């Protein structure tokens, strides 16, 4: 996990975004002309073949969100979702059989074959 120090206090980011993920997200933001007031929403929702699926997309900040800045990207996460996402790494994968965001979640007790659904 990455951490930044400000005013003698340490802020630990709940998730990590790899350089590849950051580059892809910035490209998507530019191509889709996402407004500057939108941040990257990372979360979970019920459903998927293993119980939960990941939420990843640009959105406006809500009152129930915690906000973090990771490598120049504003990240939004509902406070209640942190228990499922703490320590997760989001990467961008580009290969012959797979292209897209991958989620490496240490809290997942089981995942599905597609990699976008998990149980905790």
PDB file of N, CA and C in Angstrom:
ATOM      1  N   UNK A   1       0.838  -1.173   0.000  1.00  0.00           N
ATOM      2  CA  UNK A   1       0.000   0.000   0.000  1.00  0.00           C
ATOM      3  C   UNK A   1       0.883   1.236   0.000  1.00  0.00           C
ATOM      4  N   UNK A   2       0.400   2.274  -0.626  1.00  0.00           N
ATOM      5  CA  UNK A   2       1.156   3.511  -0.642  1.00  0.00           C
ATOM      6  C   UNK A   2       0.659   4.419   0.473  1.00  0.00           C
ATOM      7  N   UNK A   3       1.531   5.290   0.935  1.00  0.00           N
ATOM      8  CA  UNK A   3       1.154   6.223   1.984  1.00  0.00           C
ATOM      9  C   UNK A   3       1.791   7.566   1.694  1.00  0.00           C
ATOM     10  N   UNK A   4       1.117   8.612   2.092  1.00  0.00           N
ATOM     11  CA  UNK A   4       1.681   9.938   1.966  1.00  0.00           C
ATOM     12  C   UNK A   4       1.657  10.585   3.336  1.00  0.00           C
ATOM     13  N   UNK A   5       2.593  11.483   3.601  1.00  0.00           N
ATOM     14  CA  UNK A   5       2.643  12.148   4.888  1.00  0.00           C
ATOM     15  C   UNK A   5       2.330  13.618   4.706  1.00  0.00           C
ATOM     16  N   UNK A   6       1.383  14.122   5.492  1.00  0.00           N
ATOM     17  CA  UNK A   6       1.046  15.532   5.493  1.00  0.00           C
ATOM     18  C   UNK A   6       0.805  15.958   6.923  1.00  0.00           C
ATOM     19  N   UNK A   7       1.351  17.103   7.309  1.00  0.00           N
ATOM     20  CA  UNK A   7       1.144  17.653   8.640  1.00  0.00           C
ATOM     21  C   UNK A   7       1.399  16.626   9.743  1.00  0.00           C
ATOM     22  N   UNK A   8       2.458  15.868   9.607  1.00  0.00           N
ATOM     23  CA  UNK A   8       2.896  14.881  10.594  1.00  0.00           C
ATOM     24  C   UNK A   8       1.894  13.757  10.828  1.00  0.00           C
ATOM     25  N   UNK A   9       0.932  13.580   9.954  1.00  0.00           N
ATOM     26  CA  UNK A   9       0.011  12.451  10.056  1.00  0.00           C
ATOM     27  C   UNK A   9       0.139  11.619   8.788  1.00  0.00           C
ATOM     28  N   UNK A  10      -0.076  10.337   8.921  1.00  0.00           N
ATOM     29  CA  UNK A  10       0.055   9.450   7.774  1.00  0.00           C
ATOM     30  C   UNK A  10      -1.324   9.071   7.264  1.00  0.00           C
ATOM     31  N   UNK A  11      -1.517   9.225   5.955  1.00  0.00           N
ATOM     32  CA  UNK A  11      -2.762   8.829   5.303  1.00  0.00           C
ATOM     33  C   UNK A  11      -2.436   7.602   4.460  1.00  0.00           C
ATOM     34  N   UNK A  12      -3.078   6.498   4.765  1.00  0.00           N
ATOM     35  CA  UNK A  12      -2.838   5.275   4.017  1.00  0.00           C
ATOM     36  C   UNK A  12      -3.980   5.100   3.024  1.00  0.00           C
ATOM     37  N   UNK A  13      -3.632   4.940   1.758  1.00  0.00           N
ATOM     38  CA  UNK A  13      -4.653   4.706   0.733  1.00  0.00           C
ATOM     39  C   UNK A  13      -5.168   3.286   0.894  1.00  0.00           C
ATOM     40  N   UNK A  14      -6.464   3.097   0.822  1.00  0.00           N
ATOM     41  CA  UNK A  14      -7.024   1.760   0.997  1.00  0.00           C
ATOM     42  C   UNK A  14      -6.748   0.827  -0.180  1.00  0.00           C
ATOM     43  N   UNK A  15      -6.485   1.389  -1.354  1.00  0.00           N
ATOM     44  CA  UNK A  15      -6.213   0.576  -2.545  1.00  0.00           C
ATOM     45  C   UNK A  15      -4.966   1.099  -3.238  1.00  0.00           C
ATOM     46  N   UNK A  16      -4.458   0.295  -4.153  1.00  0.00           N
ATOM     47  CA  UNK A  16      -3.313   0.682  -4.977  1.00  0.00           C
ATOM     48  C   UNK A  16      -3.732   0.616  -6.433  1.00  0.00           C
ATOM     49  N   UNK A  17      -3.325   1.623  -7.193  1.00  0.00           N
ATOM     50  CA  UNK A  17      -3.516   1.624  -8.642  1.00  0.00           C
ATOM     51  C   UNK A  17      -2.131   1.532  -9.265  1.00  0.00           C
ATOM     52  N   UNK A  18      -1.915   0.538 -10.120  1.00  0.00           N
ATOM     53  CA  UNK A  18      -0.617   0.406 -10.769  1.00  0.00           C
ATOM     54  C   UNK A  18      -0.442   1.512 -11.800  1.00  0.00           C
ATOM     55  N   UNK A  19       0.776   1.679 -12.259  1.00  0.00           N
ATOM     56  CA  UNK A  19       1.061   2.690 -13.283  1.00  0.00           C
ATOM     57  C   UNK A  19       0.245   2.430 -14.542  1.00  0.00           C
ATOM     58  N   UNK A  20       0.108   1.152 -14.922  1.00  0.00           N
ATOM     59  CA  UNK A  20      -0.688   0.803 -16.099  1.00  0.00           C
ATOM     60  C   UNK A  20      -2.146   1.179 -15.932  1.00  0.00           C
ATOM     61  N   UNK A  21      -2.699   0.951 -14.737  1.00  0.00           N
ATOM     62  CA  UNK A  21      -4.094   1.309 -14.472  1.00  0.00           C
ATOM     63  C   UNK A  21      -4.276   2.819 -14.501  1.00  0.00           C
ATOM     64  N   UNK A  22      -3.352   3.560 -13.882  1.00  0.00           N
ATOM     65  CA  UNK A  22      -3.427   5.025 -13.871  1.00  0.00           C
ATOM     66  C   UNK A  22      -3.402   5.566 -15.301  1.00  0.00           C
ATOM     67  N   UNK A  23      -2.463   5.065 -16.106  1.00  0.00           N
ATOM     68  CA  UNK A  23      -2.356   5.523 -17.497  1.00  0.00           C
ATOM     69  C   UNK A  23      -3.646   5.251 -18.271  1.00  0.00           C
ATOM     70  N   UNK A  24      -4.221   4.068 -18.102  1.00  0.00           N
ATOM     71  CA  UNK A  24      -5.450   3.715 -18.816  1.00  0.00           C
ATOM     72  C   UNK A  24      -6.618   4.570 -18.339  1.00  0.00           C
ATOM     73  N   UNK A  25      -6.723   4.801 -17.031  1.00  0.00           N
ATOM     74  CA  UNK A  25      -7.810   5.613 -16.495  1.00  0.00           C
ATOM     75  C   UNK A  25      -7.720   7.060 -16.978  1.00  0.00           C
ATOM     76  N   UNK A  26      -6.507   7.599 -17.048  1.00  0.00           N
ATOM     77  CA  UNK A  26      -6.331   8.960 -17.562  1.00  0.00           C
ATOM     78  C   UNK A  26      -6.681   9.031 -19.044  1.00  0.00           C
ATOM     79  N   UNK A  27      -6.352   7.966 -19.800  1.00  0.00           N
ATOM     80  CA  UNK A  27      -6.703   7.916 -21.217  1.00  0.00           C
ATOM     81  C   UNK A  27      -8.225   7.883 -21.379  1.00  0.00           C
ATOM     82  N   UNK A  28      -8.894   7.063 -20.581  1.00  0.00           N
ATOM     83  CA  UNK A  28     -10.364   6.965 -20.636  1.00  0.00           C
ATOM     84  C   UNK A  28     -10.989   8.305 -20.279  1.00  0.00           C
ATOM     85  N   UNK A  29     -10.460   8.942 -19.224  1.00  0.00           N
ATOM     86  CA  UNK A  29     -10.991  10.248 -18.793  1.00  0.00           C
ATOM     87  C   UNK A  29     -10.922  11.259 -19.938  1.00  0.00           C
ATOM     88  N   UNK A  30      -9.786  11.285 -20.653  1.00  0.00           N
ATOM     89  CA  UNK A  30      -9.602  12.224 -21.759  1.00  0.00           C
ATOM     90  C   UNK A  30     -10.504  11.866 -22.937  1.00  0.00           C
ATOM     91  N   UNK A  31     -10.504  10.591 -23.349  1.00  0.00           N
ATOM     92  CA  UNK A  31     -11.294  10.167 -24.509  1.00  0.00           C
ATOM     93  C   UNK A  31     -12.784  10.367 -24.300  1.00  0.00           C
ATOM     94  N   UNK A  32     -13.268  10.116 -23.080  1.00  0.00           N
ATOM     95  CA  UNK A  32     -14.703  10.233 -22.815  1.00  0.00           C
ATOM     96  C   UNK A  32     -15.083  11.607 -22.277  1.00  0.00           C
ATOM     97  N   UNK A  33     -14.104  12.512 -22.239  1.00  0.00           N
ATOM     98  CA  UNK A  33     -14.325  13.884 -21.787  1.00  0.00           C
ATOM     99  C   UNK A  33     -15.065  13.931 -20.443  1.00  0.00           C
ATOM    100  N   UNK A  34     -14.540  13.172 -19.474  1.00  0.00           N
ATOM    101  CA  UNK A  34     -15.129  13.120 -18.142  1.00  0.00           C
ATOM    102  C   UNK A  34     -14.906  14.475 -17.460  1.00  0.00           C
ATOM    103  N   UNK A  35     -15.952  15.081 -16.908  1.00  0.00           N
ATOM    104  CA  UNK A  35     -15.809  16.387 -16.247  1.00  0.00           C
ATOM    105  C   UNK A  35     -14.801  16.349 -15.096  1.00  0.00           C
ATOM    106  N   UNK A  36     -14.144  17.461 -14.872  1.00  0.00           N
ATOM    107  CA  UNK A  36     -13.104  17.555 -13.835  1.00  0.00           C
ATOM    108  C   UNK A  36     -13.635  17.312 -12.434  1.00  0.00           C
ATOM    109  N   UNK A  37     -14.938  17.569 -12.181  1.00  0.00           N
ATOM    110  CA  UNK A  37     -15.482  17.366 -10.842  1.00  0.00           C
ATOM    111  C   UNK A  37     -15.774  15.893 -10.540  1.00  0.00           C
ATOM    112  N   UNK A  38     -15.565  15.009 -11.491  1.00  0.00           N
ATOM    113  CA  UNK A  38     -15.776  13.579 -11.298  1.00  0.00           C
ATOM    114  C   UNK A  38     -14.484  12.924 -10.811  1.00  0.00           C
ATOM    115  N   UNK A  39     -14.641  11.978  -9.890  1.00  0.00           N
ATOM    116  CA  UNK A  39     -13.521  11.173  -9.439  1.00  0.00           C
ATOM    117  C   UNK A  39     -13.736   9.734  -9.850  1.00  0.00           C
ATOM    118  N   UNK A  40     -12.734   8.910  -9.610  1.00  0.00           N
ATOM    119  CA  UNK A  40     -12.834   7.488  -9.919  1.00  0.00           C
ATOM    120  C   UNK A  40     -13.530   6.781  -8.768  1.00  0.00           C
ATOM    121  N   UNK A  41     -14.710   6.242  -9.025  1.00  0.00           N
ATOM    122  CA  UNK A  41     -15.431   5.501  -7.990  1.00  0.00           C
ATOM    123  C   UNK A  41     -14.976   4.042  -8.014  1.00  0.00           C
ATOM    124  N   UNK A  42     -14.539   3.575  -6.843  1.00  0.00           N
ATOM    125  CA  UNK A  42     -14.155   2.181  -6.659  1.00  0.00           C
ATOM    126  C   UNK A  42     -15.061   1.638  -5.558  1.00  0.00           C
ATOM    127  N   UNK A  43     -15.708   0.511  -5.824  1.00  0.00           N
ATOM    128  CA  UNK A  43     -16.611  -0.042  -4.824  1.00  0.00           C
ATOM    129  C   UNK A  43     -17.026  -1.452  -5.164  1.00  0.00           C
ATOM    130  N   UNK A  44     -18.040  -1.912  -4.447  1.00  0.00           N
ATOM    131  CA  UNK A  44     -18.585  -3.247  -4.674  1.00  0.00           C
ATOM    132  C   UNK A  44     -20.106  -3.141  -4.732  1.00  0.00           C
ATOM    133  N   UNK A  45     -20.709  -4.135  -5.354  1.00  0.00           N
ATOM    134  CA  UNK A  45     -22.164  -4.259  -5.343  1.00  0.00           C
ATOM    135  C   UNK A  45     -22.502  -5.735  -5.290  1.00  0.00           C
ATOM    136  N   UNK A  46     -23.674  -6.041  -4.781  1.00  0.00           N
ATOM    137  CA  UNK A  46     -24.119  -7.423  -4.731  1.00  0.00           C
ATOM    138  C   UNK A  46     -24.361  -7.940  -6.131  1.00  0.00           C
ATOM    139  N   UNK A  47     -24.025  -9.195  -6.347  1.00  0.00           N
ATOM    140  CA  UNK A  47     -24.233  -9.805  -7.656  1.00  0.00           C
ATOM    141  C   UNK A  47     -22.970 -10.437  -8.178  1.00  0.00           C
ATOM    142  N   UNK A  48     -23.027 -10.914  -9.367  1.00  0.00           N
ATOM    143  CA  UNK A  48     -21.882 -11.620  -9.934  1.00  0.00           C
ATOM    144  C   UNK A  48     -21.935 -13.083  -9.532  1.00  0.00           C
ATOM    145  N   UNK A  49     -21.139 -13.897 -10.171  1.00  0.00           N
ATOM    146  CA  UNK A  49     -21.212 -15.337  -9.935  1.00  0.00           C
ATOM    147  C   UNK A  49     -20.629 -15.760  -8.591  1.00  0.00           C
ATOM    148  N   UNK A  50     -19.879 -14.872  -7.894  1.00  0.00           N
ATOM    149  CA  UNK A  50     -19.310 -15.237  -6.595  1.00  0.00           C
ATOM    150  C   UNK A  50     -19.901 -14.440  -5.438  1.00  0.00           C
ATOM    151  N   UNK A  51     -20.856 -13.556  -5.685  1.00  0.00           N
ATOM    152  CA  UNK A  51     -21.510 -12.834  -4.605  1.00  0.00           C
ATOM    153  C   UNK A  51     -21.401 -11.323  -4.690  1.00  0.00           C
ATOM    154  N   UNK A  52     -20.217 -10.797  -4.999  1.00  0.00           N
ATOM    155  CA  UNK A  52     -20.001  -9.360  -5.164  1.00  0.00           C
ATOM    156  C   UNK A  52     -19.338  -9.112  -6.500  1.00  0.00           C
ATOM    157  N   UNK A  53     -19.597  -7.948  -7.081  1.00  0.00           N
ATOM    158  CA  UNK A  53     -18.830  -7.509  -8.240  1.00  0.00           C
ATOM    159  C   UNK A  53     -18.273  -6.124  -7.961  1.00  0.00           C
ATOM    160  N   UNK A  54     -17.222  -5.805  -8.672  1.00  0.00           N
ATOM    161  CA  UNK A  54     -16.533  -4.532  -8.469  1.00  0.00           C
ATOM    162  C   UNK A  54     -17.216  -3.415  -9.238  1.00  0.00           C
ATOM    163  N   UNK A  55     -17.145  -2.216  -8.675  1.00  0.00           N
ATOM    164  CA  UNK A  55     -17.589  -0.995  -9.333  1.00  0.00           C
ATOM    165  C   UNK A  55     -16.332  -0.198  -9.655  1.00  0.00           C
ATOM    166  N   UNK A  56     -16.183   0.223 -10.886  1.00  0.00           N
ATOM    167  CA  UNK A  56     -15.054   1.039 -11.309  1.00  0.00           C
ATOM    168  C   UNK A  56     -15.543   1.971 -12.407  1.00  0.00           C
ATOM    169  N   UNK A  57     -15.595   3.259 -12.113  1.00  0.00           N
ATOM    170  CA  UNK A  57     -16.057   4.223 -13.109  1.00  0.00           C
ATOM    171  C   UNK A  57     -15.991   5.625 -12.543  1.00  0.00           C
ATOM    172  N   UNK A  58     -16.160   6.609 -13.392  1.00  0.00           N
ATOM    173  CA  UNK A  58     -16.086   7.994 -12.962  1.00  0.00           C
ATOM    174  C   UNK A  58     -17.458   8.459 -12.492  1.00  0.00           C
ATOM    175  N   UNK A  59     -17.461   9.240 -11.387  1.00  0.00           N
ATOM    176  CA  UNK A  59     -18.713   9.635 -10.751  1.00  0.00           C
ATOM    177  C   UNK A  59     -18.470  10.916  -9.951  1.00  0.00           C
ATOM    178  N   UNK A  60     -19.552  11.551  -9.516  1.00  0.00           N
ATOM    179  CA  UNK A  60     -19.436  12.719  -8.642  1.00  0.00           C
ATOM    180  C   UNK A  60     -19.376  12.255  -7.189  1.00  0.00           C
ATOM    181  N   UNK A  61     -18.754  13.046  -6.367  1.00  0.00           N
ATOM    182  CA  UNK A  61     -18.606  12.708  -4.954  1.00  0.00           C
ATOM    183  C   UNK A  61     -19.946  12.799  -4.235  1.00  0.00           C
ATOM    184  N   UNK A  62     -20.188  11.837  -3.330  1.00  0.00           N
ATOM    185  CA  UNK A  62     -21.400  11.816  -2.517  1.00  0.00           C
ATOM    186  C   UNK A  62     -21.014  12.017  -1.045  1.00  0.00           C
ATOM    187  N   UNK A  63     -21.983  12.353  -0.224  1.00  0.00           N
ATOM    188  CA  UNK A  63     -21.734  12.608   1.196  1.00  0.00           C
ATOM    189  C   UNK A  63     -21.181  11.386   1.919  1.00  0.00           C
ATOM    190  N   UNK A  64     -21.502  10.199   1.448  1.00  0.00           N
ATOM    191  CA  UNK A  64     -21.070   8.965   2.118  1.00  0.00           C
ATOM    192  C   UNK A  64     -19.696   8.477   1.648  1.00  0.00           C
ATOM    193  N   UNK A  65     -19.013   9.275   0.828  1.00  0.00           N
ATOM    194  CA  UNK A  65     -17.723   8.856   0.265  1.00  0.00           C
ATOM    195  C   UNK A  65     -16.539   9.299   1.110  1.00  0.00           C
ATOM    196  N   UNK A  66     -15.518   8.468   1.139  1.00  0.00           N
ATOM    197  CA  UNK A  66     -14.182   8.881   1.528  1.00  0.00           C
ATOM    198  C   UNK A  66     -13.488   9.242   0.223  1.00  0.00           C
ATOM    199  N   UNK A  67     -12.598  10.211   0.256  1.00  0.00           N
ATOM    200  CA  UNK A  67     -11.900  10.663  -0.939  1.00  0.00           C
ATOM    201  C   UNK A  67     -10.403  10.544  -0.729  1.00  0.00           C
ATOM    202  N   UNK A  68      -9.708  10.025  -1.724  1.00  0.00           N
ATOM    203  CA  UNK A  68      -8.264   9.849  -1.687  1.00  0.00           C
ATOM    204  C   UNK A  68      -7.679  10.349  -3.001  1.00  0.00           C
ATOM    205  N   UNK A  69      -6.440  10.752  -2.976  1.00  0.00           N
ATOM    206  CA  UNK A  69      -5.750  11.078  -4.216  1.00  0.00           C
ATOM    207  C   UNK A  69      -4.619  10.075  -4.383  1.00  0.00           C
ATOM    208  N   UNK A  70      -4.658   9.364  -5.485  1.00  0.00           N
ATOM    209  CA  UNK A  70      -3.642   8.352  -5.780  1.00  0.00           C
ATOM    210  C   UNK A  70      -3.016   8.704  -7.120  1.00  0.00           C
ATOM    211  N   UNK A  71      -1.744   9.054  -7.100  1.00  0.00           N
ATOM    212  CA  UNK A  71      -0.985   9.419  -8.306  1.00  0.00           C
ATOM    213  C   UNK A  71      -1.727  10.439  -9.164  1.00  0.00           C
ATOM    214  N   UNK A  72      -2.270  11.470  -8.531  1.00  0.00           N
ATOM    215  CA  UNK A  72      -2.938  12.539  -9.262  1.00  0.00           C
ATOM    216  C   UNK A  72      -4.373  12.250  -9.650  1.00  0.00           C
ATOM    217  N   UNK A  73      -4.909  11.106  -9.231  1.00  0.00           N
ATOM    218  CA  UNK A  73      -6.280  10.725  -9.569  1.00  0.00           C
ATOM    219  C   UNK A  73      -7.128  10.759  -8.299  1.00  0.00           C
ATOM    220  N   UNK A  74      -8.236  11.502  -8.338  1.00  0.00           N
ATOM    221  CA  UNK A  74      -9.163  11.564  -7.208  1.00  0.00           C
ATOM    222  C   UNK A  74      -9.961  10.263  -7.184  1.00  0.00           C
ATOM    223  N   UNK A  75      -9.910   9.565  -6.049  1.00  0.00           N
ATOM    224  CA  UNK A  75     -10.579   8.271  -5.907  1.00  0.00           C
ATOM    225  C   UNK A  75     -11.686   8.404  -4.863  1.00  0.00           C
ATOM    226  N   UNK A  76     -12.878   7.935  -5.209  1.00  0.00           N
ATOM    227  CA  UNK A  76     -14.044   7.978  -4.336  1.00  0.00           C
ATOM    228  C   UNK A  76     -14.403   6.560  -3.909  1.00  0.00           C
ATOM    229  N   UNK A  77     -14.715   6.395  -2.621  1.00  0.00           N
ATOM    230  CA  UNK A  77     -15.117   5.085  -2.128  1.00  0.00           C
ATOM    231  C   UNK A  77     -16.112   5.275  -0.986  1.00  0.00           C
ATOM    232  N   UNK A  78     -17.237   4.588  -1.065  1.00  0.00           N
ATOM    233  CA  UNK A  78     -18.172   4.637   0.049  1.00  0.00           C
ATOM    234  C   UNK A  78     -17.500   4.043   1.271  1.00  0.00           C
ATOM    235  N   UNK A  79     -17.700   4.682   2.422  1.00  0.00           N
ATOM    236  CA  UNK A  79     -17.053   4.245   3.659  1.00  0.00           C
ATOM    237  C   UNK A  79     -17.319   2.763   3.948  1.00  0.00           C
ATOM    238  N   UNK A  80     -18.538   2.309   3.694  1.00  0.00           N
ATOM    239  CA  UNK A  80     -18.922   0.924   3.988  1.00  0.00           C
ATOM    240  C   UNK A  80     -18.220  -0.092   3.094  1.00  0.00           C
ATOM    241  N   UNK A  81     -17.658   0.327   1.972  1.00  0.00           N
ATOM    242  CA  UNK A  81     -17.022  -0.600   1.046  1.00  0.00           C
ATOM    243  C   UNK A  81     -15.573  -0.912   1.403  1.00  0.00           C
ATOM    244  N   UNK A  82     -14.973  -0.093   2.271  1.00  0.00           N
ATOM    245  CA  UNK A  82     -13.560  -0.256   2.598  1.00  0.00           C
ATOM    246  C   UNK A  82     -13.250  -1.640   3.158  1.00  0.00           C
ATOM    247  N   UNK A  83     -14.151  -2.217   3.922  1.00  0.00           N
ATOM    248  CA  UNK A  83     -13.916  -3.536   4.518  1.00  0.00           C
ATOM    249  C   UNK A  83     -13.673  -4.605   3.439  1.00  0.00           C
ATOM    250  N   UNK A  84     -14.269  -4.442   2.274  1.00  0.00           N
ATOM    251  CA  UNK A  84     -14.120  -5.402   1.181  1.00  0.00           C
ATOM    252  C   UNK A  84     -12.936  -5.091   0.269  1.00  0.00           C
ATOM    253  N   UNK A  85     -12.447  -3.850   0.312  1.00  0.00           N
ATOM    254  CA  UNK A  85     -11.459  -3.411  -0.678  1.00  0.00           C
ATOM    255  C   UNK A  85     -10.087  -3.076  -0.095  1.00  0.00           C
ATOM    256  N   UNK A  86      -9.949  -3.024   1.209  1.00  0.00           N
ATOM    257  CA  UNK A  86      -8.696  -2.633   1.839  1.00  0.00           C
ATOM    258  C   UNK A  86      -7.534  -3.505   1.359  1.00  0.00           C
ATOM    259  N   UNK A  87      -6.526  -2.877   0.804  1.00  0.00           N
ATOM    260  CA  UNK A  87      -5.342  -3.591   0.323  1.00  0.00           C
ATOM    261  C   UNK A  87      -5.426  -4.064  -1.119  1.00  0.00           C
ATOM    262  N   UNK A  88      -6.524  -3.797  -1.803  1.00  0.00           N
ATOM    263  CA  UNK A  88      -6.701  -4.269  -3.178  1.00  0.00           C
ATOM    264  C   UNK A  88      -5.805  -3.492  -4.150  1.00  0.00           C
ATOM    265  N   UNK A  89      -5.310  -4.189  -5.151  1.00  0.00           N
ATOM    266  CA  UNK A  89      -4.544  -3.570  -6.226  1.00  0.00           C
ATOM    267  C   UNK A  89      -5.336  -3.687  -7.517  1.00  0.00           C
ATOM    268  N   UNK A  90      -5.456  -2.551  -8.219  1.00  0.00           N
ATOM    269  CA  UNK A  90      -6.107  -2.537  -9.531  1.00  0.00           C
ATOM    270  C   UNK A  90      -5.020  -2.336 -10.578  1.00  0.00           C
ATOM    271  N   UNK A  91      -5.003  -3.204 -11.564  1.00  0.00           N
ATOM    272  CA  UNK A  91      -3.990  -3.166 -12.616  1.00  0.00           C
ATOM    273  C   UNK A  91      -4.681  -3.166 -13.964  1.00  0.00           C
ATOM    274  N   UNK A  92      -3.939  -2.772 -14.995  1.00  0.00           N
ATOM    275  CA  UNK A  92      -4.414  -2.871 -16.379  1.00  0.00           C
ATOM    276  C   UNK A  92      -3.618  -3.976 -17.041  1.00  0.00           C
ATOM    277  N   UNK A  93      -4.312  -4.960 -17.589  1.00  0.00           N
ATOM    278  CA  UNK A  93      -3.680  -6.115 -18.217  1.00  0.00           C
ATOM    279  C   UNK A  93      -3.973  -6.082 -19.704  1.00  0.00           C
ATOM    280  N   UNK A  94      -2.935  -6.318 -20.507  1.00  0.00           N
ATOM    281  CA  UNK A  94      -3.112  -6.386 -21.946  1.00  0.00           C
ATOM    282  C   UNK A  94      -2.339  -7.587 -22.449  1.00  0.00           C
ATOM    283  N   UNK A  95      -3.069  -8.636 -22.810  1.00  0.00           N
ATOM    284  CA  UNK A  95      -2.430  -9.841 -23.300  1.00  0.00           C
ATOM    285  C   UNK A  95      -3.237 -10.449 -24.426  1.00  0.00           C
ATOM    286  N   UNK A  96      -2.801 -11.610 -24.895  1.00  0.00           N
ATOM    287  CA  UNK A  96      -3.495 -12.278 -25.997  1.00  0.00           C
ATOM    288  C   UNK A  96      -4.898 -12.724 -25.615  1.00  0.00           C
ATOM    289  N   UNK A  97      -5.056 -13.220 -24.384  1.00  0.00           N
ATOM    290  CA  UNK A  97      -6.346 -13.770 -23.968  1.00  0.00           C
ATOM    291  C   UNK A  97      -7.133 -12.842 -23.057  1.00  0.00           C
ATOM    292  N   UNK A  98      -6.519 -11.757 -22.611  1.00  0.00           N
ATOM    293  CA  UNK A  98      -7.176 -10.924 -21.624  1.00  0.00           C
ATOM    294  C   UNK A  98      -6.747  -9.475 -21.792  1.00  0.00           C
ATOM    295  N   UNK A  99      -7.714  -8.568 -21.764  1.00  0.00           N
ATOM    296  CA  UNK A  99      -7.417  -7.141 -21.824  1.00  0.00           C
ATOM    297  C   UNK A  99      -8.436  -6.425 -20.963  1.00  0.00           C
ATOM    298  N   UNK A 100      -7.946  -5.680 -19.981  1.00  0.00           N
ATOM    299  CA  UNK A 100      -8.848  -4.935 -19.113  1.00  0.00           C
ATOM    300  C   UNK A 100      -8.271  -4.761 -17.729  1.00  0.00           C
ATOM    301  N   UNK A 101      -9.094  -4.242 -16.840  1.00  0.00           N
ATOM    302  CA  UNK A 101      -8.659  -4.031 -15.468  1.00  0.00           C
ATOM    303  C   UNK A 101      -8.719  -5.348 -14.714  1.00  0.00           C
ATOM    304  N   UNK A 102      -7.700  -5.578 -13.890  1.00  0.00           N
ATOM    305  CA  UNK A 102      -7.697  -6.759 -13.034  1.00  0.00           C
ATOM    306  C   UNK A 102      -7.680  -6.294 -11.585  1.00  0.00           C
ATOM    307  N   UNK A 103      -8.317  -7.069 -10.728  1.00  0.00           N
ATOM    308  CA  UNK A 103      -8.480  -6.734  -9.322  1.00  0.00           C
ATOM    309  C   UNK A 103      -7.808  -7.812  -8.483  1.00  0.00           C
ATOM    310  N   UNK A 104      -6.749  -7.441  -7.779  1.00  0.00           N
ATOM    311  CA  UNK A 104      -6.062  -8.358  -6.877  1.00  0.00           C
ATOM    312  C   UNK A 104      -6.492  -7.980  -5.467  1.00  0.00           C
ATOM    313  N   UNK A 105      -7.456  -8.727  -4.928  1.00  0.00           N
ATOM    314  CA  UNK A 105      -8.082  -8.381  -3.663  1.00  0.00           C
ATOM    315  C   UNK A 105      -7.717  -9.406  -2.583  1.00  0.00           C
ATOM    316  N   UNK A 106      -6.931  -9.001  -1.570  1.00  0.00           N
ATOM    317  CA  UNK A 106      -6.548  -9.938  -0.514  1.00  0.00           C
ATOM    318  C   UNK A 106      -7.717 -10.330   0.392  1.00  0.00           C
ATOM    319  N   UNK A 107      -8.838  -9.628   0.310  1.00  0.00           N
ATOM    320  CA  UNK A 107     -10.005  -9.932   1.139  1.00  0.00           C
ATOM    321  C   UNK A 107     -10.928 -10.964   0.511  1.00  0.00           C
ATOM    322  N   UNK A 108     -10.704 -11.274  -0.751  1.00  0.00           N
ATOM    323  CA  UNK A 108     -11.574 -12.222  -1.452  1.00  0.00           C
ATOM    324  C   UNK A 108     -11.251 -13.645  -1.013  1.00  0.00           C
ATOM    325  N   UNK A 109     -12.278 -14.366  -0.595  1.00  0.00           N
ATOM    326  CA  UNK A 109     -12.092 -15.770  -0.225  1.00  0.00           C
ATOM    327  C   UNK A 109     -12.320 -16.689  -1.419  1.00  0.00           C
ATOM    328  N   UNK A 110     -12.992 -16.166  -2.443  1.00  0.00           N
ATOM    329  CA  UNK A 110     -13.236 -16.944  -3.664  1.00  0.00           C
ATOM    330  C   UNK A 110     -13.456 -15.943  -4.798  1.00  0.00           C
ATOM    331  N   UNK A 111     -12.998 -16.294  -5.977  1.00  0.00           N
ATOM    332  CA  UNK A 111     -13.220 -15.444  -7.146  1.00  0.00           C
ATOM    333  C   UNK A 111     -13.759 -16.294  -8.269  1.00  0.00           C
ATOM    334  N   UNK A 112     -14.347 -15.639  -9.259  1.00  0.00           N
ATOM    335  CA  UNK A 112     -14.865 -16.358 -10.409  1.00  0.00           C
ATOM    336  C   UNK A 112     -13.819 -16.359 -11.522  1.00  0.00           C
ATOM    337  N   UNK A 113     -14.078 -17.072 -12.571  1.00  0.00           N
ATOM    338  CA  UNK A 113     -13.152 -17.173 -13.685  1.00  0.00           C
ATOM    339  C   UNK A 113     -12.942 -15.857 -14.430  1.00  0.00           C
ATOM    340  N   UNK A 114     -13.949 -14.986 -14.414  1.00  0.00           N
ATOM    341  CA  UNK A 114     -13.824 -13.719 -15.141  1.00  0.00           C
ATOM    342  C   UNK A 114     -13.009 -12.693 -14.368  1.00  0.00           C
ATOM    343  N   UNK A 115     -12.807 -12.882 -13.064  1.00  0.00           N
ATOM    344  CA  UNK A 115     -11.989 -11.987 -12.272  1.00  0.00           C
ATOM    345  C   UNK A 115     -12.676 -10.709 -11.827  1.00  0.00           C
ATOM    346  N   UNK A 116     -13.964 -10.552 -12.113  1.00  0.00           N
ATOM    347  CA  UNK A 116     -14.660  -9.332 -11.707  1.00  0.00           C
ATOM    348  C   UNK A 116     -15.688  -9.597 -10.623  1.00  0.00           C
ATOM    349  N   UNK A 117     -15.749 -10.815 -10.115  1.00  0.00           N
ATOM    350  CA  UNK A 117     -16.686 -11.182  -9.075  1.00  0.00           C
ATOM    351  C   UNK A 117     -15.923 -11.923  -7.979  1.00  0.00           C
ATOM    352  N   UNK A 118     -16.365 -11.728  -6.722  1.00  0.00           N
ATOM    353  CA  UNK A 118     -15.666 -12.362  -5.604  1.00  0.00           C
ATOM    354  C   UNK A 118     -16.606 -12.565  -4.434  1.00  0.00           C
ATOM    355  N   UNK A 119     -16.176 -13.370  -3.473  1.00  0.00           N
ATOM    356  CA  UNK A 119     -16.876 -13.479  -2.202  1.00  0.00           C
ATOM    357  C   UNK A 119     -15.874 -13.194  -1.095  1.00  0.00           C
ATOM    358  N   UNK A 120     -16.396 -12.735   0.027  1.00  0.00           N
ATOM    359  CA  UNK A 120     -15.522 -12.359   1.142  1.00  0.00           C
ATOM    360  C   UNK A 120     -16.012 -13.004   2.422  1.00  0.00           C
TER     361      UNK A 120
END
